[in-house]
Amino acid sequence: MTKKNPGAAAVLSFFVPGLGQIYNGELGKGITIVAVTIVCWMITFLYIGFIILVPLWVWAIYDAYTKAEGINSKIEQGGC
């Protein structure tokens, strides 16, 4: 496991929700977030997608940042 840059993970998720998770090595979670984001964008004309999209976007940024910090913490403590 290599150190991750929490800022880079957050910025990636800011531009495309889910990319930060993919950067952190959480491929399944990242692809799921990208897919849900695409569906939300497709149904925004009903205003339903927008209600889900904004919280998902904010959560993806937060999750990517905190996961990268967790990875770095494990590395510094001598874990995988």
PDB file of N, CA and C in Angstrom:
ATOM      1  N   MET A   1       0.851  -1.175   0.000  1.00  0.00           N
ATOM      2  CA  MET A   1       0.000   0.000   0.000  1.00  0.00           C
ATOM      3  C   MET A   1       0.894   1.235   0.000  1.00  0.00           C
ATOM      4  N   THR A   2       0.549   2.205  -0.820  1.00  0.00           N
ATOM      5  CA  THR A   2       1.339   3.430  -0.887  1.00  0.00           C
ATOM      6  C   THR A   2       0.565   4.589  -0.280  1.00  0.00           C
ATOM      7  N   LYS A   3       1.319   5.584   0.176  1.00  0.00           N
ATOM      8  CA  LYS A   3       0.685   6.775   0.739  1.00  0.00           C
ATOM      9  C   LYS A   3      -0.178   7.454  -0.307  1.00  0.00           C
ATOM     10  N   LYS A   4      -1.257   8.051   0.149  1.00  0.00           N
ATOM     11  CA  LYS A   4      -2.181   8.771  -0.725  1.00  0.00           C
ATOM     12  C   LYS A   4      -2.224  10.231  -0.306  1.00  0.00           C
ATOM     13  N   ASN A   5      -2.468  11.089  -1.255  1.00  0.00           N
ATOM     14  CA  ASN A   5      -2.600  12.511  -0.983  1.00  0.00           C
ATOM     15  C   ASN A   5      -4.079  12.812  -0.764  1.00  0.00           C
ATOM     16  N   PRO A   6      -4.487  13.122   0.497  1.00  0.00           N
ATOM     17  CA  PRO A   6      -5.899  13.387   0.769  1.00  0.00           C
ATOM     18  C   PRO A   6      -6.460  14.542  -0.059  1.00  0.00           C
ATOM     19  N   GLY A   7      -5.641  15.568  -0.280  1.00  0.00           N
ATOM     20  CA  GLY A   7      -6.097  16.702  -1.087  1.00  0.00           C
ATOM     21  C   GLY A   7      -6.378  16.297  -2.519  1.00  0.00           C
ATOM     22  N   ALA A   8      -5.506  15.474  -3.079  1.00  0.00           N
ATOM     23  CA  ALA A   8      -5.714  15.002  -4.455  1.00  0.00           C
ATOM     24  C   ALA A   8      -6.971  14.140  -4.532  1.00  0.00           C
ATOM     25  N   ALA A   9      -7.178  13.287  -3.538  1.00  0.00           N
ATOM     26  CA  ALA A   9      -8.380  12.438  -3.523  1.00  0.00           C
ATOM     27  C   ALA A   9      -9.642  13.296  -3.472  1.00  0.00           C
ATOM     28  N   ALA A  10      -9.625  14.341  -2.642  1.00  0.00           N
ATOM     29  CA  ALA A  10     -10.787  15.224  -2.534  1.00  0.00           C
ATOM     30  C   ALA A  10     -11.023  15.988  -3.833  1.00  0.00           C
ATOM     31  N   VAL A  11      -9.960  16.486  -4.442  1.00  0.00           N
ATOM     32  CA  VAL A  11     -10.092  17.245  -5.695  1.00  0.00           C
ATOM     33  C   VAL A  11     -10.612  16.336  -6.813  1.00  0.00           C
ATOM     34  N   LEU A  12     -10.113  15.116  -6.891  1.00  0.00           N
ATOM     35  CA  LEU A  12     -10.604  14.184  -7.905  1.00  0.00           C
ATOM     36  C   LEU A  12     -12.106  13.945  -7.734  1.00  0.00           C
ATOM     37  N   SER A  13     -12.544  13.757  -6.486  1.00  0.00           N
ATOM     38  CA  SER A  13     -13.968  13.547  -6.241  1.00  0.00           C
ATOM     39  C   SER A  13     -14.777  14.818  -6.445  1.00  0.00           C
ATOM     40  N   PHE A  14     -14.143  15.963  -6.307  1.00  0.00           N
ATOM     41  CA  PHE A  14     -14.850  17.215  -6.584  1.00  0.00           C
ATOM     42  C   PHE A  14     -15.200  17.299  -8.068  1.00  0.00           C
ATOM     43  N   PHE A  15     -14.239  16.964  -8.919  1.00  0.00           N
ATOM     44  CA  PHE A  15     -14.476  17.069 -10.355  1.00  0.00           C
ATOM     45  C   PHE A  15     -15.357  15.937 -10.879  1.00  0.00           C
ATOM     46  N   VAL A  16     -15.114  14.715 -10.416  1.00  0.00           N
ATOM     47  CA  VAL A  16     -15.957  13.572 -10.791  1.00  0.00           C
ATOM     48  C   VAL A  16     -16.141  12.719  -9.540  1.00  0.00           C
ATOM     49  N   PRO A  17     -17.317  12.781  -8.908  1.00  0.00           N
ATOM     50  CA  PRO A  17     -17.538  11.976  -7.712  1.00  0.00           C
ATOM     51  C   PRO A  17     -17.231  10.503  -7.984  1.00  0.00           C
ATOM     52  N   GLY A  18     -16.398   9.931  -7.142  1.00  0.00           N
ATOM     53  CA  GLY A  18     -15.995   8.538  -7.275  1.00  0.00           C
ATOM     54  C   GLY A  18     -14.543   8.371  -7.694  1.00  0.00           C
ATOM     55  N   LEU A  19     -13.984   9.376  -8.359  1.00  0.00           N
ATOM     56  CA  LEU A  19     -12.584   9.262  -8.777  1.00  0.00           C
ATOM     57  C   LEU A  19     -11.627   9.238  -7.585  1.00  0.00           C
ATOM     58  N   GLY A  20     -11.959   9.950  -6.538  1.00  0.00           N
ATOM     59  CA  GLY A  20     -11.118   9.929  -5.337  1.00  0.00           C
ATOM     60  C   GLY A  20     -11.087   8.548  -4.706  1.00  0.00           C
ATOM     61  N   GLN A  21     -12.233   7.854  -4.716  1.00  0.00           N
ATOM     62  CA  GLN A  21     -12.285   6.511  -4.175  1.00  0.00           C
ATOM     63  C   GLN A  21     -11.454   5.562  -5.048  1.00  0.00           C
ATOM     64  N   ILE A  22     -11.535   5.724  -6.367  1.00  0.00           N
ATOM     65  CA  ILE A  22     -10.734   4.899  -7.275  1.00  0.00           C
ATOM     66  C   ILE A  22      -9.250   5.160  -7.028  1.00  0.00           C
ATOM     67  N   TYR A  23      -8.871   6.425  -6.854  1.00  0.00           N
ATOM     68  CA  TYR A  23      -7.493   6.793  -6.543  1.00  0.00           C
ATOM     69  C   TYR A  23      -7.020   6.113  -5.257  1.00  0.00           C
ATOM     70  N   ASN A  24      -7.930   5.993  -4.279  1.00  0.00           N
ATOM     71  CA  ASN A  24      -7.585   5.368  -3.001  1.00  0.00           C
ATOM     72  C   ASN A  24      -7.573   3.848  -3.069  1.00  0.00           C
ATOM     73  N   GLY A  25      -7.912   3.278  -4.215  1.00  0.00           N
ATOM     74  CA  GLY A  25      -7.901   1.834  -4.361  1.00  0.00           C
ATOM     75  C   GLY A  25      -9.239   1.170  -4.087  1.00  0.00           C
ATOM     76  N   GLU A  26     -10.284   1.959  -3.880  1.00  0.00           N
ATOM     77  CA  GLU A  26     -11.619   1.416  -3.645  1.00  0.00           C
ATOM     78  C   GLU A  26     -12.382   1.403  -4.975  1.00  0.00           C
ATOM     79  N   LEU A  27     -11.997   0.488  -5.842  1.00  0.00           N
ATOM     80  CA  LEU A  27     -12.507   0.466  -7.203  1.00  0.00           C
ATOM     81  C   LEU A  27     -14.025   0.255  -7.256  1.00  0.00           C
ATOM     82  N   GLY A  28     -14.528  -0.710  -6.518  1.00  0.00           N
ATOM     83  CA  GLY A  28     -15.972  -0.990  -6.523  1.00  0.00           C
ATOM     84  C   GLY A  28     -16.791   0.194  -6.047  1.00  0.00           C
ATOM     85  N   LYS A  29     -16.351   0.793  -4.927  1.00  0.00           N
ATOM     86  CA  LYS A  29     -17.059   1.951  -4.389  1.00  0.00           C
ATOM     87  C   LYS A  29     -17.000   3.115  -5.374  1.00  0.00           C
ATOM     88  N   GLY A  30     -15.843   3.334  -5.963  1.00  0.00           N
ATOM     89  CA  GLY A  30     -15.681   4.438  -6.903  1.00  0.00           C
ATOM     90  C   GLY A  30     -16.556   4.291  -8.134  1.00  0.00           C
ATOM     91  N   ILE A  31     -16.576   3.087  -8.702  1.00  0.00           N
ATOM     92  CA  ILE A  31     -17.410   2.850  -9.889  1.00  0.00           C
ATOM     93  C   ILE A  31     -18.891   3.012  -9.546  1.00  0.00           C
ATOM     94  N   THR A  32     -19.283   2.543  -8.367  1.00  0.00           N
ATOM     95  CA  THR A  32     -20.676   2.702  -7.942  1.00  0.00           C
ATOM     96  C   THR A  32     -21.051   4.173  -7.824  1.00  0.00           C
ATOM     97  N   ILE A  33     -20.175   4.973  -7.219  1.00  0.00           N
ATOM     98  CA  ILE A  33     -20.453   6.402  -7.061  1.00  0.00           C
ATOM     99  C   ILE A  33     -20.522   7.083  -8.419  1.00  0.00           C
ATOM    100  N   VAL A  34     -19.604   6.746  -9.321  1.00  0.00           N
ATOM    101  CA  VAL A  34     -19.638   7.326 -10.673  1.00  0.00           C
ATOM    102  C   VAL A  34     -20.957   6.964 -11.358  1.00  0.00           C
ATOM    103  N   ALA A  35     -21.370   5.701 -11.261  1.00  0.00           N
ATOM    104  CA  ALA A  35     -22.609   5.254 -11.908  1.00  0.00           C
ATOM    105  C   ALA A  35     -23.832   5.970 -11.332  1.00  0.00           C
ATOM    106  N   VAL A  36     -23.897   6.074 -10.002  1.00  0.00           N
ATOM    107  CA  VAL A  36     -25.033   6.755  -9.374  1.00  0.00           C
ATOM    108  C   VAL A  36     -25.041   8.233  -9.772  1.00  0.00           C
ATOM    109  N   THR A  37     -23.867   8.837  -9.857  1.00  0.00           N
ATOM    110  CA  THR A  37     -23.770  10.237 -10.272  1.00  0.00           C
ATOM    111  C   THR A  37     -24.302  10.417 -11.689  1.00  0.00           C
ATOM    112  N   ILE A  38     -23.946   9.508 -12.577  1.00  0.00           N
ATOM    113  CA  ILE A  38     -24.424   9.598 -13.963  1.00  0.00           C
ATOM    114  C   ILE A  38     -25.945   9.478 -14.008  1.00  0.00           C
ATOM    115  N   VAL A  39     -26.501   8.524 -13.258  1.00  0.00           N
ATOM    116  CA  VAL A  39     -27.957   8.364 -13.209  1.00  0.00           C
ATOM    117  C   VAL A  39     -28.610   9.627 -12.652  1.00  0.00           C
ATOM    118  N   CYS A  40     -28.027  10.183 -11.591  1.00  0.00           N
ATOM    119  CA  CYS A  40     -28.589  11.409 -11.002  1.00  0.00           C
ATOM    120  C   CYS A  40     -28.581  12.549 -12.007  1.00  0.00           C
ATOM    121  N   TRP A  41     -27.488  12.695 -12.750  1.00  0.00           N
ATOM    122  CA  TRP A  41     -27.437  13.752 -13.762  1.00  0.00           C
ATOM    123  C   TRP A  41     -28.507  13.525 -14.829  1.00  0.00           C
ATOM    124  N   MET A  42     -28.744  12.255 -15.176  1.00  0.00           N
ATOM    125  CA  MET A  42     -29.724  11.954 -16.212  1.00  0.00           C
ATOM    126  C   MET A  42     -31.151  12.261 -15.757  1.00  0.00           C
ATOM    127  N   ILE A  43     -31.432  12.165 -14.457  1.00  0.00           N
ATOM    128  CA  ILE A  43     -32.792  12.433 -13.983  1.00  0.00           C
ATOM    129  C   ILE A  43     -32.931  13.786 -13.291  1.00  0.00           C
ATOM    130  N   THR A  44     -31.954  14.650 -13.458  1.00  0.00           N
ATOM    131  CA  THR A  44     -32.069  15.971 -12.818  1.00  0.00           C
ATOM    132  C   THR A  44     -33.213  16.791 -13.390  1.00  0.00           C
ATOM    133  N   PHE A  45     -33.619  16.503 -14.618  1.00  0.00           N
ATOM    134  CA  PHE A  45     -34.725  17.272 -15.174  1.00  0.00           C
ATOM    135  C   PHE A  45     -36.012  17.034 -14.395  1.00  0.00           C
ATOM    136  N   LEU A  46     -36.072  15.980 -13.600  1.00  0.00           N
ATOM    137  CA  LEU A  46     -37.220  15.718 -12.737  1.00  0.00           C
ATOM    138  C   LEU A  46     -37.016  16.301 -11.337  1.00  0.00           C
ATOM    139  N   TYR A  47     -35.885  16.912 -11.108  1.00  0.00           N
ATOM    140  CA  TYR A  47     -35.478  17.476  -9.818  1.00  0.00           C
ATOM    141  C   TYR A  47     -35.203  16.411  -8.765  1.00  0.00           C
ATOM    142  N   ILE A  48     -35.497  15.168  -9.061  1.00  0.00           N
ATOM    143  CA  ILE A  48     -35.215  14.086  -8.121  1.00  0.00           C
ATOM    144  C   ILE A  48     -33.716  13.828  -8.063  1.00  0.00           C
ATOM    145  N   GLY A  49     -33.080  13.789  -9.205  1.00  0.00           N
ATOM    146  CA  GLY A  49     -31.649  13.523  -9.262  1.00  0.00           C
ATOM    147  C   GLY A  49     -30.834  14.561  -8.537  1.00  0.00           C
ATOM    148  N   PHE A  50     -31.245  15.825  -8.633  1.00  0.00           N
ATOM    149  CA  PHE A  50     -30.493  16.901  -7.991  1.00  0.00           C
ATOM    150  C   PHE A  50     -30.530  16.771  -6.477  1.00  0.00           C
ATOM    151  N   ILE A  51     -31.653  16.295  -5.951  1.00  0.00           N
ATOM    152  CA  ILE A  51     -31.788  16.122  -4.502  1.00  0.00           C
ATOM    153  C   ILE A  51     -30.793  15.077  -3.993  1.00  0.00           C
ATOM    154  N   ILE A  52     -30.531  14.068  -4.790  1.00  0.00           N
ATOM    155  CA  ILE A  52     -29.581  13.020  -4.410  1.00  0.00           C
ATOM    156  C   ILE A  52     -28.155  13.408  -4.778  1.00  0.00           C
ATOM    157  N   LEU A  53     -27.995  14.097  -5.898  1.00  0.00           N
ATOM    158  CA  LEU A  53     -26.665  14.387  -6.444  1.00  0.00           C
ATOM    159  C   LEU A  53     -25.817  15.245  -5.520  1.00  0.00           C
ATOM    160  N   VAL A  54     -26.353  16.304  -4.980  1.00  0.00           N
ATOM    161  CA  VAL A  54     -25.557  17.225  -4.156  1.00  0.00           C
ATOM    162  C   VAL A  54     -25.021  16.539  -2.892  1.00  0.00           C
ATOM    163  N   PRO A  55     -25.878  15.864  -2.104  1.00  0.00           N
ATOM    164  CA  PRO A  55     -25.325  15.169  -0.930  1.00  0.00           C
ATOM    165  C   PRO A  55     -24.331  14.071  -1.304  1.00  0.00           C
ATOM    166  N   LEU A  56     -24.589  13.356  -2.402  1.00  0.00           N
ATOM    167  CA  LEU A  56     -23.664  12.325  -2.861  1.00  0.00           C
ATOM    168  C   LEU A  56     -22.313  12.933  -3.199  1.00  0.00           C
ATOM    169  N   TRP A  57     -22.324  14.061  -3.875  1.00  0.00           N
ATOM    170  CA  TRP A  57     -21.102  14.745  -4.279  1.00  0.00           C
ATOM    171  C   TRP A  57     -20.286  15.158  -3.050  1.00  0.00           C
ATOM    172  N   VAL A  58     -20.954  15.781  -2.091  1.00  0.00           N
ATOM    173  CA  VAL A  58     -20.271  16.229  -0.869  1.00  0.00           C
ATOM    174  C   VAL A  58     -19.724  15.032  -0.100  1.00  0.00           C
ATOM    175  N   TRP A  59     -20.517  13.976   0.014  1.00  0.00           N
ATOM    176  CA  TRP A  59     -20.056  12.787   0.731  1.00  0.00           C
ATOM    177  C   TRP A  59     -18.861  12.147   0.033  1.00  0.00           C
ATOM    178  N   ALA A  60     -18.874  12.091  -1.300  1.00  0.00           N
ATOM    179  CA  ALA A  60     -17.765  11.482  -2.045  1.00  0.00           C
ATOM    180  C   ALA A  60     -16.463  12.233  -1.789  1.00  0.00           C
ATOM    181  N   ILE A  61     -16.526  13.556  -1.738  1.00  0.00           N
ATOM    182  CA  ILE A  61     -15.333  14.366  -1.455  1.00  0.00           C
ATOM    183  C   ILE A  61     -14.823  14.060  -0.044  1.00  0.00           C
ATOM    184  N   TYR A  62     -15.726  14.093   0.932  1.00  0.00           N
ATOM    185  CA  TYR A  62     -15.359  13.831   2.325  1.00  0.00           C
ATOM    186  C   TYR A  62     -14.795  12.413   2.491  1.00  0.00           C
ATOM    187  N   ASP A  63     -15.466  11.428   1.900  1.00  0.00           N
ATOM    188  CA  ASP A  63     -15.039  10.044   2.022  1.00  0.00           C
ATOM    189  C   ASP A  63     -13.661   9.818   1.409  1.00  0.00           C
ATOM    190  N   ALA A  64     -13.423  10.392   0.234  1.00  0.00           N
ATOM    191  CA  ALA A  64     -12.123  10.232  -0.429  1.00  0.00           C
ATOM    192  C   ALA A  64     -11.008  10.827   0.432  1.00  0.00           C
ATOM    193  N   TYR A  65     -11.245  11.997   0.997  1.00  0.00           N
ATOM    194  CA  TYR A  65     -10.246  12.670   1.823  1.00  0.00           C
ATOM    195  C   TYR A  65      -9.938  11.850   3.081  1.00  0.00           C
ATOM    196  N   THR A  66     -10.992  11.437   3.798  1.00  0.00           N
ATOM    197  CA  THR A  66     -10.768  10.726   5.056  1.00  0.00           C
ATOM    198  C   THR A  66     -10.181   9.342   4.827  1.00  0.00           C
ATOM    199  N   LYS A  67     -10.551   8.677   3.747  1.00  0.00           N
ATOM    200  CA  LYS A  67      -9.978   7.357   3.445  1.00  0.00           C
ATOM    201  C   LYS A  67      -8.485   7.477   3.146  1.00  0.00           C
ATOM    202  N   ALA A  68      -8.091   8.508   2.392  1.00  0.00           N
ATOM    203  CA  ALA A  68      -6.671   8.717   2.099  1.00  0.00           C
ATOM    204  C   ALA A  68      -5.894   8.976   3.390  1.00  0.00           C
ATOM    205  N   GLU A  69      -6.474   9.751   4.293  1.00  0.00           N
ATOM    206  CA  GLU A  69      -5.811   9.985   5.578  1.00  0.00           C
ATOM    207  C   GLU A  69      -5.680   8.680   6.362  1.00  0.00           C
ATOM    208  N   GLY A  70      -6.717   7.841   6.326  1.00  0.00           N
ATOM    209  CA  GLY A  70      -6.676   6.552   7.016  1.00  0.00           C
ATOM    210  C   GLY A  70      -5.600   5.637   6.447  1.00  0.00           C
ATOM    211  N   ILE A  71      -5.473   5.618   5.129  1.00  0.00           N
ATOM    212  CA  ILE A  71      -4.429   4.812   4.481  1.00  0.00           C
ATOM    213  C   ILE A  71      -3.058   5.286   4.935  1.00  0.00           C
ATOM    214  N   ASN A  72      -2.855   6.585   4.946  1.00  0.00           N
ATOM    215  CA  ASN A  72      -1.566   7.148   5.372  1.00  0.00           C
ATOM    216  C   ASN A  72      -1.280   6.829   6.833  1.00  0.00           C
ATOM    217  N   SER A  73      -2.319   6.881   7.656  1.00  0.00           N
ATOM    218  CA  SER A  73      -2.138   6.590   9.081  1.00  0.00           C
ATOM    219  C   SER A  73      -1.710   5.137   9.286  1.00  0.00           C
ATOM    220  N   LYS A  74      -2.312   4.214   8.542  1.00  0.00           N
ATOM    221  CA  LYS A  74      -1.938   2.801   8.657  1.00  0.00           C
ATOM    222  C   LYS A  74      -0.490   2.584   8.206  1.00  0.00           C
ATOM    223  N   ILE A  75      -0.107   3.259   7.151  1.00  0.00           N
ATOM    224  CA  ILE A  75       1.271   3.129   6.633  1.00  0.00           C
ATOM    225  C   ILE A  75       2.257   3.635   7.670  1.00  0.00           C
ATOM    226  N   GLU A  76       1.957   4.774   8.281  1.00  0.00           N
ATOM    227  CA  GLU A  76       2.859   5.367   9.276  1.00  0.00           C
ATOM    228  C   GLU A  76       2.962   4.514  10.520  1.00  0.00           C
ATOM    229  N   GLN A  77       1.906   3.759  10.835  1.00  0.00           N
ATOM    230  CA  GLN A  77       1.923   2.900  12.016  1.00  0.00           C
ATOM    231  C   GLN A  77       2.545   1.541  11.728  1.00  0.00           C
ATOM    232  N   GLY A  78       2.968   1.342  10.498  1.00  0.00           N
ATOM    233  CA  GLY A  78       3.633   0.096  10.139  1.00  0.00           C
ATOM    234  C   GLY A  78       2.704  -0.973   9.619  1.00  0.00           C
ATOM    235  N   GLY A  79       1.460  -0.614   9.336  1.00  0.00           N
ATOM    236  CA  GLY A  79       0.517  -1.584   8.770  1.00  0.00           C
ATOM    237  C   GLY A  79       0.757  -1.770   7.295  1.00  0.00           C
ATOM    238  N   CYS A  80      -0.085  -2.576   6.668  1.00  0.00           N
ATOM    239  CA  CYS A  80       0.022  -2.881   5.224  1.00  0.00           C
ATOM    240  C   CYS A  80       0.325  -1.647   4.461  1.00  0.00           C
TER     241      CYS A  80
END
